[in-house]
Amino acid sequence: MNGWIDLIKAAVRPFLIVWGAVLYSICLIKGIAVPDILAGLIAAIAVEYFGERAVLRIKESSDNNTKGES
């Protein structure tokens, strides 16, 4: 099941990032107010992506610390 989840994340996440960034930049270039839902999408993607990386980094550092103590 985790394999499917990782596959879906790998396929959908880049599309959402590119699509959101393009729409966001078009809004900024045209001087149109950025819709709240688009701003929320960009924020959610950033938090989810960087949060996941931070959790993985914390797990790796705690694994390295416990291995060094043994």
N, C-alpha and C. Protein backbone atom coordinates (compact mmCIF):
# COMPACT_ATOMS: atom_id res chain seq x y z
N MET A 1 0.82 -1.19 0.00
CA MET A 1 0.00 0.00 0.00
C MET A 1 0.86 1.26 0.00
N ASN A 2 1.96 1.24 0.76
CA ASN A 2 2.85 2.41 0.79
C ASN A 2 3.47 2.66 -0.56
N GLY A 3 3.68 1.61 -1.33
CA GLY A 3 4.23 1.77 -2.67
C GLY A 3 3.30 2.58 -3.56
N TRP A 4 2.00 2.31 -3.46
CA TRP A 4 1.02 3.06 -4.25
C TRP A 4 0.96 4.52 -3.80
N ILE A 5 1.03 4.74 -2.51
CA ILE A 5 0.98 6.10 -1.98
C ILE A 5 2.19 6.89 -2.47
N ASP A 6 3.36 6.28 -2.41
CA ASP A 6 4.57 6.95 -2.88
C ASP A 6 4.51 7.22 -4.38
N LEU A 7 3.94 6.29 -5.14
CA LEU A 7 3.80 6.48 -6.58
C LEU A 7 2.87 7.65 -6.89
N ILE A 8 1.76 7.72 -6.19
CA ILE A 8 0.81 8.81 -6.42
C ILE A 8 1.44 10.15 -6.02
N LYS A 9 2.14 10.17 -4.90
CA LYS A 9 2.82 11.40 -4.48
C LYS A 9 3.84 11.83 -5.54
N ALA A 10 4.61 10.88 -6.04
CA ALA A 10 5.65 11.20 -7.02
C ALA A 10 5.04 11.69 -8.33
N ALA A 11 3.86 11.22 -8.69
CA ALA A 11 3.24 11.63 -9.95
C ALA A 11 2.47 12.94 -9.81
N VAL A 12 1.80 13.15 -8.69
CA VAL A 12 0.91 14.29 -8.55
C VAL A 12 1.63 15.53 -8.03
N ARG A 13 2.55 15.36 -7.10
CA ARG A 13 3.21 16.50 -6.47
C ARG A 13 3.89 17.43 -7.48
N PRO A 14 4.71 16.92 -8.41
CA PRO A 14 5.34 17.85 -9.37
C PRO A 14 4.33 18.59 -10.23
N PHE A 15 3.26 17.90 -10.63
CA PHE A 15 2.22 18.56 -11.42
C PHE A 15 1.59 19.71 -10.64
N LEU A 16 1.25 19.48 -9.38
CA LEU A 16 0.63 20.53 -8.57
C LEU A 16 1.58 21.69 -8.33
N ILE A 17 2.85 21.39 -8.13
CA ILE A 17 3.83 22.45 -7.90
C ILE A 17 3.95 23.33 -9.14
N VAL A 18 4.12 22.71 -10.30
CA VAL A 18 4.28 23.47 -11.54
C VAL A 18 3.00 24.23 -11.87
N TRP A 19 1.86 23.56 -11.79
CA TRP A 19 0.58 24.18 -12.11
C TRP A 19 0.32 25.37 -11.18
N GLY A 20 0.53 25.19 -9.90
CA GLY A 20 0.31 26.27 -8.94
C GLY A 20 1.25 27.43 -9.15
N ALA A 21 2.52 27.13 -9.42
CA ALA A 21 3.50 28.20 -9.64
C ALA A 21 3.18 28.99 -10.90
N VAL A 22 2.74 28.30 -11.96
CA VAL A 22 2.39 28.99 -13.21
C VAL A 22 1.19 29.91 -12.98
N LEU A 23 0.16 29.38 -12.36
CA LEU A 23 -1.03 30.21 -12.10
C LEU A 23 -0.70 31.38 -11.18
N TYR A 24 0.10 31.13 -10.16
CA TYR A 24 0.49 32.18 -9.22
C TYR A 24 1.27 33.28 -9.93
N SER A 25 2.22 32.88 -10.79
CA SER A 25 3.02 33.88 -11.50
C SER A 25 2.18 34.65 -12.52
N ILE A 26 1.22 33.99 -13.16
CA ILE A 26 0.33 34.70 -14.09
C ILE A 26 -0.48 35.75 -13.34
N CYS A 27 -0.97 35.39 -12.17
CA CYS A 27 -1.72 36.36 -11.37
C CYS A 27 -0.85 37.55 -10.99
N LEU A 28 0.39 37.29 -10.62
CA LEU A 28 1.28 38.38 -10.23
C LEU A 28 1.64 39.26 -11.42
N ILE A 29 1.92 38.64 -12.57
CA ILE A 29 2.31 39.41 -13.76
C ILE A 29 1.15 40.28 -14.25
N LYS A 30 -0.04 39.73 -14.26
CA LYS A 30 -1.22 40.46 -14.74
C LYS A 30 -1.72 41.47 -13.71
N GLY A 31 -1.25 41.40 -12.49
CA GLY A 31 -1.70 42.32 -11.45
C GLY A 31 -3.05 41.93 -10.88
N ILE A 32 -3.43 40.68 -11.07
CA ILE A 32 -4.69 40.18 -10.55
C ILE A 32 -4.46 39.69 -9.12
N ALA A 33 -5.46 39.86 -8.28
CA ALA A 33 -5.35 39.35 -6.91
C ALA A 33 -5.28 37.82 -6.96
N VAL A 34 -4.36 37.29 -6.20
CA VAL A 34 -4.20 35.83 -6.15
C VAL A 34 -5.36 35.25 -5.34
N PRO A 35 -6.11 34.31 -5.92
CA PRO A 35 -7.21 33.71 -5.16
C PRO A 35 -6.72 33.01 -3.90
N ASP A 36 -7.53 33.07 -2.86
CA ASP A 36 -7.16 32.47 -1.58
C ASP A 36 -6.89 30.98 -1.71
N ILE A 37 -7.69 30.31 -2.53
CA ILE A 37 -7.52 28.86 -2.69
C ILE A 37 -6.18 28.53 -3.34
N LEU A 38 -5.73 29.36 -4.28
CA LEU A 38 -4.43 29.15 -4.92
C LEU A 38 -3.30 29.41 -3.94
N ALA A 39 -3.41 30.49 -3.17
CA ALA A 39 -2.39 30.78 -2.17
C ALA A 39 -2.34 29.65 -1.13
N GLY A 40 -3.51 29.12 -0.76
CA GLY A 40 -3.54 28.00 0.18
C GLY A 40 -2.91 26.75 -0.40
N LEU A 41 -3.15 26.51 -1.68
CA LEU A 41 -2.55 25.35 -2.35
C LEU A 41 -1.03 25.45 -2.34
N ILE A 42 -0.51 26.60 -2.70
CA ILE A 42 0.95 26.80 -2.71
C ILE A 42 1.51 26.62 -1.31
N ALA A 43 0.85 27.21 -0.31
CA ALA A 43 1.32 27.09 1.07
C ALA A 43 1.26 25.65 1.55
N ALA A 44 0.19 24.94 1.23
CA ALA A 44 0.06 23.54 1.68
C ALA A 44 1.11 22.65 1.04
N ILE A 45 1.40 22.87 -0.22
CA ILE A 45 2.42 22.07 -0.89
C ILE A 45 3.79 22.33 -0.28
N ALA A 46 4.09 23.60 -0.02
CA ALA A 46 5.39 23.94 0.57
C ALA A 46 5.53 23.33 1.97
N VAL A 47 4.49 23.46 2.79
CA VAL A 47 4.54 22.92 4.15
C VAL A 47 4.66 21.40 4.13
N GLU A 48 3.87 20.76 3.27
CA GLU A 48 3.90 19.29 3.20
C GLU A 48 5.26 18.79 2.71
N TYR A 49 5.80 19.43 1.68
CA TYR A 49 7.07 18.99 1.12
C TYR A 49 8.21 19.21 2.09
N PHE A 50 8.35 20.43 2.58
CA PHE A 50 9.46 20.72 3.48
C PHE A 50 9.27 20.06 4.84
N GLY A 51 8.03 19.89 5.27
CA GLY A 51 7.78 19.18 6.53
C GLY A 51 8.19 17.73 6.44
N GLU A 52 7.88 17.10 5.31
CA GLU A 52 8.27 15.70 5.11
C GLU A 52 9.79 15.56 5.09
N ARG A 53 10.46 16.49 4.43
CA ARG A 53 11.93 16.44 4.39
C ARG A 53 12.51 16.65 5.77
N ALA A 54 11.91 17.54 6.56
CA ALA A 54 12.41 17.80 7.91
C ALA A 54 12.25 16.57 8.79
N VAL A 55 11.11 15.90 8.68
CA VAL A 55 10.88 14.69 9.47
C VAL A 55 11.90 13.62 9.09
N LEU A 56 12.15 13.45 7.80
CA LEU A 56 13.14 12.45 7.37
C LEU A 56 14.53 12.79 7.89
N ARG A 57 14.87 14.08 7.88
CA ARG A 57 16.18 14.50 8.38
C ARG A 57 16.31 14.24 9.88
N ILE A 58 15.24 14.51 10.62
CA ILE A 58 15.27 14.27 12.07
C ILE A 58 15.41 12.78 12.35
N LYS A 59 14.68 11.96 11.60
CA LYS A 59 14.79 10.51 11.79
C LYS A 59 16.20 10.02 11.48
N GLU A 60 16.79 10.53 10.40
CA GLU A 60 18.15 10.11 10.03
C GLU A 60 19.15 10.53 11.09
N SER A 61 19.01 11.76 11.60
CA SER A 61 19.97 12.21 12.60
C SER A 61 19.80 11.45 13.91
N SER A 62 18.56 11.11 14.28
CA SER A 62 18.37 10.34 15.51
C SER A 62 18.88 8.91 15.33
N ASP A 63 18.73 8.35 14.13
CA ASP A 63 19.28 7.02 13.86
C ASP A 63 20.80 7.03 13.94
N ASN A 64 21.41 8.09 13.40
CA ASN A 64 22.87 8.19 13.44
C ASN A 64 23.35 8.39 14.87
N ASN A 65 22.62 9.14 15.68
CA ASN A 65 23.01 9.36 17.07
C ASN A 65 22.91 8.07 17.89
N THR A 66 21.87 7.28 17.64
CA THR A 66 21.74 6.03 18.41
C THR A 66 22.77 5.01 17.97
N LYS A 67 23.16 5.01 16.71
CA LYS A 67 24.19 4.08 16.24
C LYS A 67 25.54 4.45 16.82
N GLY A 68 25.80 5.75 16.97
CA GLY A 68 27.08 6.19 17.50
C GLY A 68 27.24 5.88 18.98
N GLU A 69 26.14 5.80 19.72
CA GLU A 69 26.20 5.55 21.15
C GLU A 69 26.44 4.08 21.46
N SER A 70 26.10 3.20 20.57
CA SER A 70 26.21 1.76 20.85
C SER A 70 27.63 1.31 20.94
